[in-house]
Protein backbone atom coordinates (compact mmCIF):
# COMPACT_ATOMS: atom_id res chain seq x y z
CA UNK A 1 0.00 0.00 0.00
CA UNK A 2 1.36 3.46 -0.91
CA UNK A 3 2.40 5.31 2.21
CA UNK A 4 1.25 8.57 0.65
CA UNK A 5 -2.37 7.42 0.80
CA UNK A 6 -2.31 7.00 4.56
CA UNK A 7 -4.69 9.47 6.29
CA UNK A 8 -3.00 12.13 8.40
CA UNK A 9 -4.79 12.78 11.67
CA UNK A 10 -4.57 16.45 12.66
CA UNK A 11 -7.22 16.45 15.43
CA UNK A 12 -7.31 14.18 18.44
CA UNK A 13 -9.61 11.35 17.31
CA UNK A 14 -11.12 11.26 20.80
CA UNK A 15 -12.72 14.63 20.15
CA UNK A 16 -16.04 15.12 18.43
CA UNK A 17 -16.17 18.14 16.13
CA UNK A 18 -19.19 20.18 15.09
CA UNK A 19 -18.56 22.99 12.62
CA UNK A 20 -20.11 26.06 11.07
CA UNK A 21 -23.80 26.69 11.06
CA UNK A 22 -24.52 23.32 12.64
CA UNK A 23 -22.50 24.31 15.72
CA UNK A 24 -24.21 27.70 15.91
CA UNK A 25 -27.68 26.19 15.53
CA UNK A 26 -26.92 23.65 18.25
CA UNK A 27 -25.79 26.33 20.68
CA UNK A 28 -28.75 28.59 19.95
CA UNK A 29 -31.15 25.68 20.42
CA UNK A 30 -29.58 24.92 23.82
CA UNK A 31 -29.86 28.56 24.92
CA UNK A 32 -33.49 28.75 23.79
CA UNK A 33 -34.23 25.54 25.68
CA UNK A 34 -32.86 27.05 28.91
CA UNK A 35 -34.96 30.18 28.40
CA UNK A 36 -38.08 28.12 27.76
CA UNK A 37 -37.58 26.30 31.09
CA UNK A 38 -37.92 29.48 33.16
CA UNK A 39 -40.11 31.54 30.82
CA UNK A 40 -43.36 30.48 32.47
CA UNK A 41 -42.09 31.66 35.89
CA UNK A 42 -41.64 35.31 34.83
CA UNK A 43 -43.83 37.98 36.35
CA UNK A 44 -46.11 38.34 39.37
CA UNK A 45 -48.33 35.52 38.16
CA UNK A 46 -45.58 33.21 36.92
CA UNK A 47 -45.89 29.50 37.57
CA UNK A 48 -43.73 27.55 40.02
CA UNK A 49 -41.39 24.63 39.35
CA UNK A 50 -41.06 21.55 41.55
CA UNK A 51 -37.48 20.32 41.78
CA UNK A 52 -36.83 16.88 43.28
CA UNK A 53 -33.24 15.92 44.13
CA UNK A 54 -31.88 12.33 44.16
CA UNK A 55 -32.73 12.02 47.87
CA UNK A 56 -36.35 12.95 47.21
CA UNK A 57 -36.13 16.41 48.80
CA UNK A 58 -38.50 18.86 47.15
CA UNK A 59 -37.99 22.51 46.26
CA UNK A 60 -40.94 24.54 44.98
CA UNK A 61 -39.94 27.91 43.56
CA UNK A 62 -40.21 30.34 40.66
CA UNK A 63 -36.80 31.88 41.32
CA UNK A 64 -34.86 31.56 38.04
CA UNK A 65 -31.40 31.30 39.62
CA UNK A 66 -32.53 28.53 41.99
CA UNK A 67 -34.22 26.55 39.22
CA UNK A 68 -31.26 26.69 36.85
CA UNK A 69 -28.73 25.93 39.59
CA UNK A 70 -30.61 22.88 40.89
CA UNK A 71 -31.21 21.46 37.40
CA UNK A 72 -27.47 20.76 36.94
CA UNK A 73 -27.48 21.68 33.24
CA UNK A 74 -24.63 20.08 31.27
CA UNK A 75 -24.70 21.48 27.73
CA UNK A 76 -21.77 23.94 27.38
CA UNK A 77 -23.78 26.66 25.60
CA UNK A 78 -26.66 26.23 28.03
CA UNK A 79 -24.19 26.68 30.88
CA UNK A 80 -23.24 30.06 29.41
CA UNK A 81 -26.86 31.15 29.73
CA UNK A 82 -27.02 29.81 33.29
CA UNK A 83 -23.99 31.99 34.04
CA UNK A 84 -26.15 34.98 33.10
CA UNK A 85 -28.53 34.07 35.93
CA UNK A 86 -25.64 33.56 38.36
CA UNK A 87 -24.16 36.90 37.38
CA UNK A 88 -27.43 38.74 38.01
CA UNK A 89 -27.98 36.90 41.30
CA UNK A 90 -24.52 37.99 42.45
CA UNK A 91 -24.54 41.61 41.26
CA UNK A 92 -28.18 42.65 41.62
CA UNK A 93 -30.05 39.82 43.36
CA UNK A 94 -33.07 39.96 41.04
CA UNK A 95 -33.92 39.94 37.34
CA UNK A 96 -32.43 36.49 36.74
CA UNK A 97 -35.45 35.08 34.91
CA UNK A 98 -35.95 38.12 32.68
CA UNK A 99 -32.22 38.13 31.82
CA UNK A 100 -32.32 34.48 30.74
CA UNK A 101 -35.51 35.02 28.70
CA UNK A 102 -33.89 38.09 27.12
CA UNK A 103 -30.73 36.10 26.23
CA UNK A 104 -32.72 33.26 24.68
CA UNK A 105 -34.82 35.70 22.64
CA UNK A 106 -31.72 37.57 21.41
CA UNK A 107 -30.33 34.30 20.06
CA UNK A 108 -33.68 33.32 18.54
CA UNK A 109 -33.83 36.67 16.68
CA UNK A 110 -30.19 36.25 15.63
CA UNK A 111 -30.96 32.82 14.17
CA UNK A 112 -33.67 34.37 11.99
CA UNK A 113 -31.25 37.03 10.76
CA UNK A 114 -28.59 34.40 9.97
CA UNK A 115 -31.16 32.43 7.98
CA UNK A 116 -31.77 35.63 5.98
CA UNK A 117 -28.08 35.96 5.15
CA UNK A 118 -26.81 38.30 7.87
CA UNK A 119 -23.35 37.31 9.11
CA UNK A 120 -22.99 36.58 12.87
CA UNK A 121 -20.22 39.21 13.15
CA UNK A 122 -22.62 41.89 11.90
CA UNK A 123 -25.22 40.79 14.45
CA UNK A 124 -22.63 40.88 17.24
CA UNK A 125 -21.70 44.44 16.32
CA UNK A 126 -25.36 45.48 16.16
CA UNK A 127 -26.08 43.90 19.56
CA UNK A 128 -23.10 45.68 21.09
CA UNK A 129 -24.27 49.06 19.75
CA UNK A 130 -27.82 48.37 20.93
CA UNK A 131 -26.68 47.38 24.43
CA UNK A 132 -24.62 50.56 24.82
CA UNK A 133 -27.52 52.71 23.65
CA UNK A 134 -30.03 50.82 25.82
CA UNK A 135 -27.97 51.49 28.96
CA UNK A 136 -27.82 55.21 28.14
CA UNK A 137 -31.61 55.27 27.65
CA UNK A 138 -32.16 53.49 30.98
CA UNK A 139 -29.93 55.94 32.84
CA UNK A 140 -31.95 58.82 31.35
CA UNK A 141 -35.18 57.14 32.49
CA UNK A 142 -33.91 56.52 36.03
CA UNK A 143 -35.31 58.46 38.98
CA UNK A 144 -33.11 59.39 41.94
CA UNK A 145 -33.99 58.09 45.42
CA UNK A 146 -32.95 60.14 48.44
CA UNK A 147 -31.28 58.60 51.47
CA UNK A 148 -34.36 58.94 53.64
CA UNK A 149 -36.99 57.76 51.13
CA UNK A 150 -37.96 54.62 53.00
CA UNK A 151 -41.33 54.44 51.22
CA UNK A 152 -39.62 54.04 47.84
CA UNK A 153 -37.35 51.30 49.23
CA UNK A 154 -40.41 49.42 50.46
CA UNK A 155 -41.94 49.66 46.96
CA UNK A 156 -38.75 48.24 45.44
CA UNK A 157 -38.74 45.35 47.92
CA UNK A 158 -42.46 44.62 47.33
CA UNK A 159 -41.93 44.55 43.56
CA UNK A 160 -39.17 41.98 43.98
CA UNK A 161 -41.21 39.81 46.37
CA UNK A 162 -44.44 39.84 44.33
CA UNK A 163 -45.06 36.39 42.91
CA UNK A 164 -42.43 34.73 45.13
CA UNK A 165 -44.25 34.74 48.45
CA UNK A 166 -47.83 35.07 49.60
CA UNK A 167 -49.10 38.53 48.59
CA UNK A 168 -50.82 38.78 51.97
CA UNK A 169 -47.42 39.25 53.63
CA UNK A 170 -45.64 41.32 50.95
CA UNK A 171 -45.76 44.60 52.87
CA UNK A 172 -44.59 42.97 56.12
CA UNK A 173 -41.63 41.24 54.47
CA UNK A 174 -40.69 44.32 52.44
CA UNK A 175 -40.59 46.54 55.54
CA UNK A 176 -38.49 44.00 57.44
CA UNK A 177 -35.95 43.88 54.61
CA UNK A 178 -35.76 47.68 54.36
CA UNK A 179 -35.27 47.97 58.15
CA UNK A 180 -32.49 45.37 58.03
CA UNK A 181 -30.57 47.03 55.18
CA UNK A 182 -30.90 50.52 56.66
CA UNK A 183 -29.69 49.19 60.02
CA UNK A 184 -26.41 47.81 58.63
CA UNK A 185 -25.64 50.30 55.85
CA UNK A 186 -22.63 52.55 56.38
CA UNK A 187 -21.62 55.47 54.17
CA UNK A 188 -23.97 54.34 51.38
CA UNK A 189 -22.74 50.72 51.38
CA UNK A 190 -24.54 47.66 52.72
CA UNK A 191 -22.82 44.35 53.51
CA UNK A 192 -25.60 41.76 53.47
CA UNK A 193 -23.38 39.24 55.26
CA UNK A 194 -24.34 41.19 58.36
CA UNK A 195 -28.02 40.33 57.94
CA UNK A 196 -28.50 36.90 59.51
CA UNK A 197 -31.48 34.85 58.29
CA UNK A 198 -32.74 32.39 60.92
CA UNK A 199 -35.50 29.83 60.35
CA UNK A 200 -38.26 29.04 62.85
CA UNK A 201 -40.57 26.32 61.53
CA UNK A 202 -43.99 25.64 63.01
CA UNK A 203 -45.37 29.17 63.26
CA UNK A 204 -47.09 31.51 60.80
CA UNK A 205 -45.46 33.80 58.23
CA UNK A 206 -46.95 36.93 59.83
CA UNK A 207 -44.79 36.22 62.90
CA UNK A 208 -41.61 36.75 60.84
CA UNK A 209 -39.66 39.53 62.57
CA UNK A 210 -36.67 41.83 62.31
CA UNK A 211 -34.37 41.76 65.33
CA UNK A 212 -31.99 44.66 65.89
CA UNK A 213 -29.45 42.28 67.27
CA UNK A 214 -28.59 38.62 66.88
CA UNK A 215 -30.38 35.28 67.20
CA UNK A 216 -28.40 32.08 67.86
CA UNK A 217 -29.43 28.45 68.24
CA UNK A 218 -28.30 28.21 71.86
CA UNK A 219 -29.96 28.40 75.29
CA UNK A 220 -28.66 28.62 78.86
CA UNK A 221 -27.08 25.42 80.15
CA UNK A 222 -29.29 25.50 83.23
CA UNK A 223 -32.90 24.65 82.33
CA UNK A 224 -34.34 26.65 85.22
CA UNK A 225 -32.49 29.84 84.30
CA UNK A 226 -34.84 32.85 83.77
CA UNK A 227 -36.03 33.31 80.19
CA UNK A 228 -35.25 37.04 80.16
CA UNK A 229 -32.27 39.14 81.23
CA UNK A 230 -32.74 42.90 80.93
CA UNK A 231 -29.83 45.09 79.84
CA UNK A 232 -27.31 42.22 79.75
CA UNK A 233 -23.56 42.89 79.89
CA UNK A 234 -22.16 40.26 77.56
CA UNK A 235 -18.79 38.51 77.80
CA UNK A 236 -17.53 36.76 74.66
CA UNK A 237 -15.00 34.09 75.64
CA UNK A 238 -12.94 32.47 72.88
CA UNK A 239 -11.04 30.06 75.15
CA UNK A 240 -11.92 26.83 76.91
CA UNK A 241 -13.39 27.29 80.39
CA UNK A 242 -12.32 23.86 81.60
CA UNK A 243 -9.39 22.44 83.52
CA UNK A 244 -6.45 22.28 81.12
CA UNK A 245 -5.25 18.78 80.33
CA UNK A 246 -1.54 17.98 80.50
CA UNK A 247 0.29 17.64 77.22
CA UNK A 248 1.90 14.35 78.33
CA UNK A 249 0.53 11.42 80.28
CA UNK A 250 1.09 11.86 84.00
CA UNK A 251 0.38 9.83 87.14
CA UNK A 252 -0.42 11.22 90.56
CA UNK A 253 0.09 9.08 93.65
CA UNK A 254 -2.50 9.70 96.33
CA UNK A 255 -2.15 7.85 99.62
CA UNK A 256 -5.00 9.24 101.72
CA UNK A 257 -8.59 10.38 101.26
CA UNK A 258 -7.55 13.84 102.40
CA UNK A 259 -5.17 14.18 99.47
CA UNK A 260 -8.00 13.35 97.06
CA UNK A 261 -10.16 16.02 98.69
CA UNK A 262 -7.37 18.60 98.44
CA UNK A 263 -6.76 17.76 94.78
CA UNK A 264 -10.45 18.22 93.92
CA UNK A 265 -10.53 21.51 95.85
CA UNK A 266 -7.52 22.80 93.89
CA UNK A 267 -9.16 21.84 90.62
CA UNK A 268 -12.42 23.54 91.64
CA UNK A 269 -10.51 26.62 92.75
CA UNK A 270 -8.94 26.90 89.29
CA UNK A 271 -12.35 26.60 87.68
CA UNK A 272 -14.04 29.10 89.98
CA UNK A 273 -11.17 31.53 89.45
CA UNK A 274 -12.15 31.66 85.74
CA UNK A 275 -15.75 32.34 86.72
CA UNK A 276 -14.65 35.06 89.14
CA UNK A 277 -12.92 36.96 86.33
CA UNK A 278 -16.29 37.06 84.54
CA UNK A 279 -18.11 38.19 87.67
CA UNK A 280 -15.57 40.92 88.49
CA UNK A 281 -15.86 42.30 84.94
CA UNK A 282 -19.57 42.85 85.59
CA UNK A 283 -20.90 40.38 82.99
CA UNK A 284 -24.29 38.77 83.45
CA UNK A 285 -24.23 36.80 80.18
CA UNK A 286 -21.41 34.59 78.90
CA UNK A 287 -21.05 33.11 75.41
CA UNK A 288 -18.14 30.68 75.16
CA UNK A 289 -16.94 29.34 71.79
CA UNK A 290 -15.19 26.36 73.41
CA UNK A 291 -16.07 23.93 76.18
CA UNK A 292 -17.36 25.10 79.56
CA UNK A 293 -17.19 22.88 82.64
CA UNK A 294 -20.57 22.14 84.20
CA UNK A 295 -19.25 23.38 87.55
CA UNK A 296 -18.44 26.78 86.05
CA UNK A 297 -21.85 26.92 84.37
CA UNK A 298 -23.61 26.10 87.65
CA UNK A 299 -21.41 28.57 89.58
CA UNK A 300 -22.27 31.38 87.14
CA UNK A 301 -25.94 30.61 86.81
CA UNK A 302 -26.41 30.39 90.60
CA UNK A 303 -25.28 34.02 90.62
CA UNK A 304 -27.81 35.02 87.93
CA UNK A 305 -25.40 34.91 85.00
CA UNK A 306 -26.57 33.41 81.69
CA UNK A 307 -24.01 30.91 80.35
CA UNK A 308 -23.79 28.83 77.20
CA UNK A 309 -20.96 27.04 75.40
CA UNK A 310 -19.69 25.85 72.03
CA UNK A 311 -21.08 28.84 70.14
CA UNK A 312 -20.11 28.69 66.46
CA UNK A 313 -17.25 30.96 65.40
CA UNK A 314 -19.43 32.88 62.90
CA UNK A 315 -22.03 33.43 65.64
CA UNK A 316 -19.31 34.76 67.93
CA UNK A 317 -18.37 37.29 65.24
CA UNK A 318 -21.99 38.30 64.77
CA UNK A 319 -22.39 38.63 68.55
CA UNK A 320 -19.40 40.96 68.62
CA UNK A 321 -20.77 43.03 65.71
CA UNK A 322 -24.25 43.23 67.23
CA UNK A 323 -23.37 43.97 70.85
CA UNK A 324 -20.13 45.91 70.45
CA UNK A 325 -18.27 43.39 72.60
CA UNK A 326 -14.79 42.00 71.99
CA UNK A 327 -13.94 38.32 71.90
CA UNK A 328 -11.34 37.45 74.59
CA UNK A 329 -8.68 34.72 74.26
CA UNK A 330 -7.19 35.23 77.73
CA UNK A 331 -9.88 35.31 80.37
CA UNK A 332 -7.61 37.23 82.77
CA UNK A 333 -7.78 40.19 80.36
CA UNK A 334 -11.56 40.47 80.61
CA UNK A 335 -12.73 43.86 81.86
CA UNK A 336 -15.91 45.87 81.54
CA UNK A 337 -14.43 47.55 78.43
CA UNK A 338 -14.60 44.26 76.49
CA UNK A 339 -18.25 43.59 77.36
CA UNK A 340 -21.04 43.90 74.80
CA UNK A 341 -24.47 45.32 75.55
CA UNK A 342 -28.09 44.75 74.53
CA UNK A 343 -31.50 45.89 75.69
CA UNK A 344 -32.80 42.38 76.31
CA UNK A 345 -31.59 38.79 76.31
CA UNK A 346 -34.50 36.43 75.73
CA UNK A 347 -34.65 32.65 75.53
CA UNK A 348 -37.26 30.68 73.61
CA UNK A 349 -36.57 27.11 74.60
CA UNK A 350 -38.01 23.62 74.45
CA UNK A 351 -36.04 21.48 76.88
CA UNK A 352 -32.36 21.64 75.94
CA UNK A 353 -33.09 23.14 72.51
CA UNK A 354 -34.15 26.60 71.48
CA UNK A 355 -32.94 30.06 70.51
CA UNK A 356 -31.47 33.03 72.34
CA UNK A 357 -32.43 36.53 71.16
CA UNK A 358 -30.29 39.56 71.89
CA UNK A 359 -32.60 42.50 71.17
CA UNK A 360 -32.31 46.27 71.02
CA UNK A 361 -28.57 46.35 70.35
CA UNK A 362 -27.98 50.05 69.72
CA UNK A 363 -25.70 50.67 66.76
CA UNK A 364 -25.66 46.97 65.88
CA UNK A 365 -23.45 46.11 62.90
CA UNK A 366 -25.15 42.71 62.57
CA UNK A 367 -28.91 42.23 62.62
CA UNK A 368 -31.26 39.28 62.17
CA UNK A 369 -34.46 38.36 60.42
CA UNK A 370 -36.31 35.41 61.93
CA UNK A 371 -38.26 33.69 59.14
CA UNK A 372 -41.31 31.83 60.38
CA UNK A 373 -43.72 29.54 58.56
CA UNK A 374 -45.89 26.48 59.00
CA UNK A 375 -43.68 24.08 57.03
CA UNK A 376 -40.09 23.85 55.84
CA UNK A 377 -41.13 24.42 52.20
CA UNK A 378 -42.98 27.62 53.13
CA UNK A 379 -40.02 28.92 55.15
CA UNK A 380 -37.56 28.10 52.33
CA UNK A 381 -39.74 29.95 49.81
CA UNK A 382 -40.01 33.01 52.06
CA UNK A 383 -36.25 32.91 52.63
CA UNK A 384 -35.60 33.09 48.87
CA UNK A 385 -38.01 36.02 48.56
CA UNK A 386 -36.33 37.84 51.48
CA UNK A 387 -32.89 37.23 49.99
CA UNK A 388 -33.95 38.86 46.70
CA UNK A 389 -35.64 41.75 48.49
CA UNK A 390 -32.55 42.45 50.60
CA UNK A 391 -30.39 42.54 47.49
CA UNK A 392 -32.59 44.95 45.53
CA UNK A 393 -32.89 47.30 48.51
CA UNK A 394 -29.10 47.19 48.80
CA UNK A 395 -28.86 48.16 45.10
CA UNK A 396 -31.05 51.23 45.60
CA UNK A 397 -29.32 52.25 48.84
CA UNK A 398 -25.93 52.08 47.10
CA UNK A 399 -26.89 53.47 43.66
CA UNK A 400 -29.83 55.73 44.51
CA UNK A 401 -31.53 55.04 41.15
CA UNK A 402 -34.78 53.29 40.21
CA UNK A 403 -36.84 52.78 37.04
CA UNK A 404 -40.47 51.87 36.43
CA UNK A 405 -41.25 48.15 36.50
CA UNK A 406 -44.04 46.12 34.92
CA UNK A 407 -42.28 46.08 31.53
CA UNK A 408 -42.34 49.90 31.30
CA UNK A 409 -38.57 50.39 30.97
CA UNK A 410 -38.23 47.57 28.42
CA UNK A 411 -40.97 49.00 26.21
CA UNK A 412 -39.51 52.51 26.34
CA UNK A 413 -35.96 51.31 25.58
CA UNK A 414 -37.25 49.17 22.70
CA UNK A 415 -39.15 52.12 21.18
CA UNK A 416 -36.11 54.39 21.35
CA UNK A 417 -33.82 51.67 19.97
CA UNK A 418 -36.00 51.35 16.88
CA UNK A 419 -35.59 55.10 16.28
CA UNK A 420 -31.85 54.77 16.91
CA UNK A 421 -31.57 51.87 14.43
CA UNK A 422 -32.66 54.06 11.53
CA UNK A 423 -29.65 56.32 12.16
CA UNK A 424 -27.24 53.39 11.81
CA UNK A 425 -26.24 52.41 8.31
CA UNK A 426 -25.73 48.87 7.04
CA UNK A 427 -27.17 45.61 8.26
CA UNK A 428 -26.34 46.40 11.90
CA UNK A 429 -29.66 48.24 12.10
CA UNK A 430 -31.41 44.90 11.57
CA UNK A 431 -29.64 43.53 14.64
CA UNK A 432 -30.57 46.63 16.68
CA UNK A 433 -34.23 46.17 15.77
CA UNK A 434 -33.93 42.49 16.72
CA UNK A 435 -32.48 43.63 20.08
CA UNK A 436 -35.53 45.87 20.57
CA UNK A 437 -37.85 42.96 19.71
CA UNK A 438 -36.06 40.83 22.33
CA UNK A 439 -36.71 43.50 24.98
CA UNK A 440 -40.41 43.45 24.05
CA UNK A 441 -40.44 39.76 24.95
CA UNK A 442 -40.21 40.61 28.67
CA UNK A 443 -43.59 42.45 28.97
CA UNK A 444 -45.07 40.05 26.39
CA UNK A 445 -44.17 37.08 28.60
CA UNK A 446 -45.45 38.83 31.75
CA UNK A 447 -48.79 39.38 30.00
CA UNK A 448 -48.95 35.81 28.70
CA UNK A 449 -48.19 34.34 32.15
CA UNK A 450 -50.93 36.52 33.65
CA UNK A 451 -53.49 35.08 31.21
CA UNK A 452 -53.73 38.28 29.17
CA UNK A 453 -53.60 38.69 25.42
CA UNK A 454 -49.91 39.30 24.71
CA UNK A 455 -50.39 41.14 21.41
CA UNK A 456 -53.06 43.52 22.75
CA UNK A 457 -50.94 44.21 25.82
CA UNK A 458 -47.86 45.18 23.80
CA UNK A 459 -49.90 47.36 21.42
CA UNK A 460 -51.55 49.17 24.37
CA UNK A 461 -48.21 49.70 26.10
CA UNK A 462 -46.61 51.17 22.97
CA UNK A 463 -49.55 53.51 22.46
CA UNK A 464 -49.50 54.64 26.10
CA UNK A 465 -45.76 55.38 25.94
CA UNK A 466 -46.43 58.20 23.51
CA UNK A 467 -47.65 60.20 26.51
CA UNK A 468 -46.12 58.42 29.53
CA UNK A 469 -42.66 56.78 29.52
CA UNK A 470 -43.37 55.03 32.80
CA UNK A 471 -46.44 53.15 31.56
CA UNK A 472 -46.32 49.45 32.40
CA UNK A 473 -48.68 46.51 32.47
CA UNK A 474 -51.22 46.27 35.28
CA UNK A 475 -51.76 42.51 35.38
CA UNK A 476 -54.92 42.92 37.48
CA UNK A 477 -56.77 44.89 34.79
CA UNK A 478 -54.66 44.30 31.67
CA UNK A 479 -54.36 48.04 31.10
CA UNK A 480 -51.28 50.25 30.71
CA UNK A 481 -50.76 52.45 33.79
CA UNK A 482 -48.04 54.58 35.39
CA UNK A 483 -45.91 52.11 37.35
CA UNK A 484 -44.52 54.69 39.77
CA UNK A 485 -48.07 55.52 40.83
CA UNK A 486 -48.83 51.80 41.21
CA UNK A 487 -45.67 51.29 43.29
CA UNK A 488 -44.06 48.86 40.83
CA UNK A 489 -40.41 49.90 40.86
CA UNK A 490 -37.11 48.18 39.99
CA UNK A 491 -33.50 49.15 40.77
CA UNK A 492 -31.65 50.64 37.80
CA UNK A 493 -28.80 48.19 38.44
CA UNK A 494 -31.07 45.18 37.83
CA UNK A 495 -32.08 46.46 34.37
CA UNK A 496 -28.60 47.57 33.34
CA UNK A 497 -26.89 44.37 34.49
CA UNK A 498 -29.60 42.28 32.82
CA UNK A 499 -28.94 43.93 29.45
CA UNK A 500 -25.16 43.73 29.88
CA UNK A 501 -25.11 40.07 30.89
CA UNK A 502 -27.73 38.97 28.35
CA UNK A 503 -26.18 40.75 25.37
CA UNK A 504 -22.64 39.62 26.24
CA UNK A 505 -23.74 35.99 26.55
CA UNK A 506 -25.58 36.17 23.22
CA UNK A 507 -22.56 37.72 21.51
CA UNK A 508 -20.32 35.01 22.93
CA UNK A 509 -22.57 32.24 21.59
CA UNK A 510 -22.79 33.89 18.16
CA UNK A 511 -19.00 34.00 17.81
CA UNK A 512 -18.67 30.22 18.15
CA UNK A 513 -18.46 28.37 14.84
CA UNK A 514 -16.61 25.22 15.90
CA UNK A 515 -17.15 22.85 18.82
CA UNK A 516 -14.57 20.24 19.84
CA UNK A 517 -15.97 17.90 22.45
CA UNK A 518 -13.69 15.40 24.20
CA UNK A 519 -15.05 11.87 24.41
CA UNK A 520 -14.55 9.84 27.56
CA UNK A 521 -14.91 6.44 25.88
CA UNK A 522 -12.00 4.46 24.46
CA UNK A 523 -10.50 5.78 21.23
CA UNK A 524 -13.13 5.49 18.49
CA UNK A 525 -12.60 5.19 14.78
CA UNK A 526 -11.26 8.39 13.24
CA UNK A 527 -14.05 10.42 11.67
CA UNK A 528 -13.46 11.38 8.01
CA UNK A 529 -13.67 15.09 8.73
CA UNK A 530 -10.72 14.77 11.11
CA UNK A 531 -8.40 13.45 8.37
CA UNK A 532 -6.21 15.82 6.41
CA UNK A 533 -7.04 13.87 3.24
CA UNK A 534 -10.63 15.10 3.42
CA UNK A 535 -10.27 18.21 5.58
CA UNK A 536 -11.99 21.10 3.83
CA UNK A 537 -11.46 19.30 0.51
CA UNK A 538 -7.63 19.44 0.74
CA UNK A 539 -5.51 16.44 -0.09
CA UNK A 540 -2.90 15.28 2.39
CA UNK A 541 0.68 16.08 1.42
CA UNK A 542 2.78 13.06 0.38
CA UNK A 543 5.30 11.83 2.93
CA UNK A 544 8.23 12.27 0.53
CA UNK A 545 7.17 15.90 0.00
CA UNK A 546 7.65 16.62 3.70
CA UNK A 547 11.19 15.27 3.97
């Protein structure tokens, strides 16, 4: 056999290759499939998804980020769309579903343009121009929110919660979230790690409360200790309150009963000395992160001092932030200057289990929200709603900008983009108009999920925008109304980040024209397209030509 006819392998035969339009179509189909999964959850009347994990645990939610995360999506292009949801969840806390729907629609519109002969590079350029212009339009539409406008913050929180938790409790939850963010914000910044969410299952949602202080899953070691301590002085001990063990094995010879008694007395004296340091400092509540000997606990509690042990390290930090106390590693250094303070220490206990509340901590840098509900599923759902509400309030506190919700901003941006497209020459204007159509899909989907006629809703919104740029969809009546007057408000950051993340993901997918997928199975037969003899119609060079 002539050596020159041997096929030359230029690509690892263990990789599967998809090229050109086939690769692009495959990626777009995957992105559209992801969007279609969450599309029905968009809006105040969106449907919920039930997610069941391998252990049979159930999650019922309409939160886009939660759904996409728990589905464990594997397709590489689909993962890129999931990253859009993760990005929005991280930066803005809301808008994940609309961003994914927007991304999927952008790619669907791009596919139509490609079928009509428009090159992907032209579409990418048009999308980039449209995104830049859309952000400018949004910033012009934005309304400033003053530092003390608590009412507007509550509206933002309620808009985020609507459709995620029972509407009966929207106002309650929104106010709790606003109180929590305002309590921990400093110089226009809010670190949400300082808002501690604690679950309390078996009670009703309307008992959910904001605590200006900290709640921990600990109670006093002594069951009979009083349930309340007013104006506690709190010692935070980050060292073991037990008799220290020797580093090496040691034996002690005791010949008489008196020696045993003396040894025990010395050990007790060492223990009680630790307790005396706490008493002399003026503390009447002790939280120890390590072990605490039962004798010390009894000694303290007999003198009216609350004592608990093995408090988690993160709880110790939150206790310090909430009460103003300082964690001590050498108990001999404890003075009244290191003590924290609160208005009330309250226990809610059931036997050895329960929670301790430190309330009315003035100037607390850590605060708590206790989420209550009848069942675990209800509490989990409320927790997700609260998490989103906290994040959007944080956005407005930090940025001070909001836009009208209910699809109002998307409709207005889309209308202005169509006018902008006519000023752009070439085929890029087709991509800009497609971008505008993709934005229209957000209010269209909201209307469809609410059981309204999507076409009539969009037509009415466009007509109303001729006189009012803040007109959005009232899903109760199906009419176009001023969303600021209705209290439907979104942070500017949510809209801007949604457009940025969605357009960038779409552009990234459109640039891909070749997929090489590694195969985990044993080496398969070499596919013809991987051989130089057939690669793009070129013949393989003869071996003697390469010498």
